[in-house]
C-alpha atoms as a PDB file:
ATOM      1  CA  MET A   1      92.557 118.453  81.806  1.00  0.00           C
ATOM      2  CA  THR A   2      89.763 116.406  80.368  1.00  0.00           C
ATOM      3  CA  ARG A   3      87.190 115.390  83.067  1.00  0.00           C
ATOM      4  CA  VAL A   4      86.365 111.641  82.798  1.00  0.00           C
ATOM      5  CA  PRO A   5      82.844 110.642  83.478  1.00  0.00           C
ATOM      6  CA  LEU A   6      82.471 108.880  86.766  1.00  0.00           C
ATOM      7  CA  ALA A   7      80.950 105.778  84.873  1.00  0.00           C
ATOM      8  CA  ASP A   8      84.149 105.428  83.086  1.00  0.00           C
ATOM      9  CA  LEU A   9      86.368 105.248  85.975  1.00  0.00           C
ATOM     10  CA  PRO A  10      87.080 101.551  86.774  1.00  0.00           C
ATOM     11  CA  TYR A  11      88.513 102.823  90.180  1.00  0.00           C
ATOM     12  CA  TRP A  12      89.431 106.133  92.075  1.00  0.00           C
ATOM     13  CA  PRO A  13      92.953 107.038  91.994  1.00  0.00           C
ATOM     14  CA  ARG A  14      94.933 107.067  95.327  1.00  0.00           C
ATOM     15  CA  TYR A  15      95.378 110.973  94.962  1.00  0.00           C
ATOM     16  CA  LEU A  16      92.572 113.145  93.800  1.00  0.00           C
ATOM     17  CA  SER A  17      92.578 116.438  92.216  1.00  0.00           C
ATOM     18  CA  ARG A  18      90.237 119.147  93.827  1.00  0.00           C
ATOM     19  CA  ASP A  19      87.616 118.520  90.922  1.00  0.00           C
ATOM     20  CA  GLU A  20      87.983 114.644  91.724  1.00  0.00           C
ATOM     21  CA  ALA A  21      87.794 114.838  95.487  1.00  0.00           C
ATOM     22  CA  ALA A  22      84.538 116.972  95.297  1.00  0.00           C
ATOM     23  CA  ARG A  23      83.092 114.410  92.903  1.00  0.00           C
ATOM     24  CA  TYR A  24      84.398 111.593  95.077  1.00  0.00           C
ATOM     25  CA  LEU A  25      82.517 113.218  98.051  1.00  0.00           C
ATOM     26  CA  GLY A  26      79.421 113.954  96.103  1.00  0.00           C
ATOM     27  CA  VAL A  27      79.560 117.715  96.335  1.00  0.00           C
ATOM     28  CA  SER A  28      80.336 120.779  93.908  1.00  0.00           C
ATOM     29  CA  VAL A  29      83.908 122.093  93.915  1.00  0.00           C
ATOM     30  CA  ASP A  30      82.553 125.309  95.502  1.00  0.00           C
ATOM     31  CA  VAL A  31      81.168 123.403  98.382  1.00  0.00           C
ATOM     32  CA  PHE A  32      84.085 121.435  98.882  1.00  0.00           C
ATOM     33  CA  ASP A  33      86.413 124.438  99.043  1.00  0.00           C
ATOM     34  CA  ASP A  34      83.948 125.903 101.572  1.00  0.00           C
ATOM     35  CA  GLU A  35      84.319 122.685 103.777  1.00  0.00           C
ATOM     36  CA  VAL A  36      88.080 122.571 103.303  1.00  0.00           C
ATOM     37  CA  ARG A  37      88.100 126.055 104.580  1.00  0.00           C
ATOM     38  CA  ALA A  38      85.933 125.313 107.353  1.00  0.00           C
ATOM     39  CA  GLY A  39      88.286 122.512 108.377  1.00  0.00           C
ATOM     40  CA  ASP A  40      85.813 119.655 107.703  1.00  0.00           C
ATOM     41  CA  TRP A  41      88.145 118.202 105.236  1.00  0.00           C
ATOM     42  CA  PRO A  42      92.034 118.450 105.130  1.00  0.00           C
ATOM     43  CA  ARG A  43      93.763 120.734 102.810  1.00  0.00           C
ATOM     44  CA  GLY A  44      95.434 119.500  99.770  1.00  0.00           C
ATOM     45  CA  THR A  45      99.008 118.377  99.583  1.00  0.00           C
ATOM     46  CA  PRO A  46     101.212 120.223  97.238  1.00  0.00           C
ATOM     47  CA  ARG A  47     102.523 117.888  94.581  1.00  0.00           C
ATOM     48  CA  GLY A  48     104.745 118.459  91.570  1.00  0.00           C
ATOM     49  CA  SER A  49     108.269 120.141  91.166  1.00  0.00           C
ATOM     50  CA  ARG A  50     106.953 123.713  92.344  1.00  0.00           C
ATOM     51  CA  GLY A  51     104.102 122.097  94.537  1.00  0.00           C
ATOM     52  CA  GLY A  52     101.599 123.857  92.270  1.00  0.00           C
ATOM     53  CA  ARG A  53      99.248 121.030  92.106  1.00  0.00           C
ATOM     54  CA  LEU A  54      97.186 120.211  95.116  1.00  0.00           C
ATOM     55  CA  THR A  55      95.959 116.540  95.836  1.00  0.00           C
ATOM     56  CA  TRP A  56      93.871 114.827  98.530  1.00  0.00           C
ATOM     57  CA  ASP A  57      94.728 111.183  99.579  1.00  0.00           C
ATOM     58  CA  ARG A  58      91.399 109.184  98.928  1.00  0.00           C
ATOM     59  CA  HIS A  59      92.150 107.022 101.956  1.00  0.00           C
ATOM     60  CA  VAL A  60      92.541 109.988 104.299  1.00  0.00           C
ATOM     61  CA  LEU A  61      89.217 111.302 102.969  1.00  0.00           C
ATOM     62  CA  ASP A  62      87.556 107.942 103.714  1.00  0.00           C
ATOM     63  CA  GLY A  63      89.044 108.119 107.048  1.00  0.00           C
ATOM     64  CA  VAL A  64      87.631 111.527 107.799  1.00  0.00           C
ATOM     65  CA  ALA A  65      84.381 110.398 106.456  1.00  0.00           C
ATOM     66  CA  ASP A  66      84.457 107.209 108.563  1.00  0.00           C
ATOM     67  CA  SER A  67      85.372 109.362 111.718  1.00  0.00           C
ATOM     68  CA  ARG A  68      82.341 111.536 111.110  1.00  0.00           C
ATOM     69  CA  ALA A  69      79.822 108.629 110.667  1.00  0.00           C
ATOM     70  CA  GLY A  70      81.167 107.172 113.796  1.00  0.00           C
ATOM     71  CA  PHE A  71      82.927 104.236 112.431  1.00  0.00           C
ATOM     72  CA  GLY A  72      85.750 103.090 114.600  1.00  0.00           C
ATOM     73  CA  THR A  73      88.043 102.027 111.938  1.00  0.00           C
ATOM     74  CA  GLN A  74      91.736 101.720 112.615  1.00  0.00           C
ATOM     75  CA  ARG A  75      92.381 103.989 109.408  1.00  0.00           C
ATOM     76  CA  SER A  76      90.239 106.783 110.613  1.00  0.00           C
ATOM     77  CA  ALA A  77      91.429 106.560 114.346  1.00  0.00           C
ATOM     78  CA  THR A  78      94.946 106.792 113.083  1.00  0.00           C
ATOM     79  CA  ALA A  79      94.844 109.452 110.246  1.00  0.00           C
ATOM     80  CA  PRO A  80      98.516 110.632 109.686  1.00  0.00           C
ATOM     81  CA  GLU A  81      99.628 113.922 111.007  1.00  0.00           C
ATOM     82  CA  GLY A  82      99.787 116.141 107.939  1.00  0.00           C
ATOM     83  CA  PRO A  83     101.766 119.157 107.512  1.00  0.00           C
ATOM     84  CA  ASN A  84      98.605 121.151 108.002  1.00  0.00           C
ATOM     85  CA  GLY A  85      97.757 119.728 111.346  1.00  0.00           C
ATOM     86  CA  TRP A  86      94.291 118.871 109.899  1.00  0.00           C
ATOM     87  CA  ASP A  87      93.798 115.885 111.874  1.00  0.00           C
ATOM     88  CA  ARG A  88      94.000 117.480 115.170  1.00  0.00           C
ATOM     89  CA  ARG A  89      91.505 120.320 114.285  1.00  0.00           C
ATOM     90  CA  PHE A  90      89.159 117.582 112.754  1.00  0.00           C
ATOM     91  CA  ALA A  91      89.320 115.471 115.875  1.00  0.00           C
ATOM     92  CA  GLU A  92      88.405 118.470 118.002  1.00  0.00           C
ATOM     93  CA  LYS A  93      85.374 119.346 115.756  1.00  0.00           C
ATOM     94  CA  ALA A  94      84.427 115.658 115.541  1.00  0.00           C
ATOM     95  CA  ALA A  95      84.399 115.403 119.396  1.00  0.00           C
ATOM     96  CA  ALA A  96      82.444 118.483 119.770  1.00  0.00           C
ATOM     97  CA  ARG A  97      79.797 117.067 117.255  1.00  0.00           C
ATOM     98  CA  ARG A  98      79.498 113.870 119.313  1.00  0.00           C
ATOM     99  CA  GLN A  99      78.568 115.720 122.481  1.00  0.00           C
END
């Protein structure tokens, strides 16, 4: 897949590849992978006919970032329960950070 320069993107797609999610969050792919493993970000959702492509929902990433920043947006407060249960783990980590 060809990497599109950020300046050439008129918008960010709703579902981001691993590389795009890392770029969207402003970190390297290695840092993004480490943060996903640590539970700071949700794991990707398997896509495609065999589930071999992982994508991250940009709105969920925004909600996690909003929660982390202390914004009480409805989107971040009601992040959907995914198949990974990431939202429960993240909520526990976020609550511990606030204390």
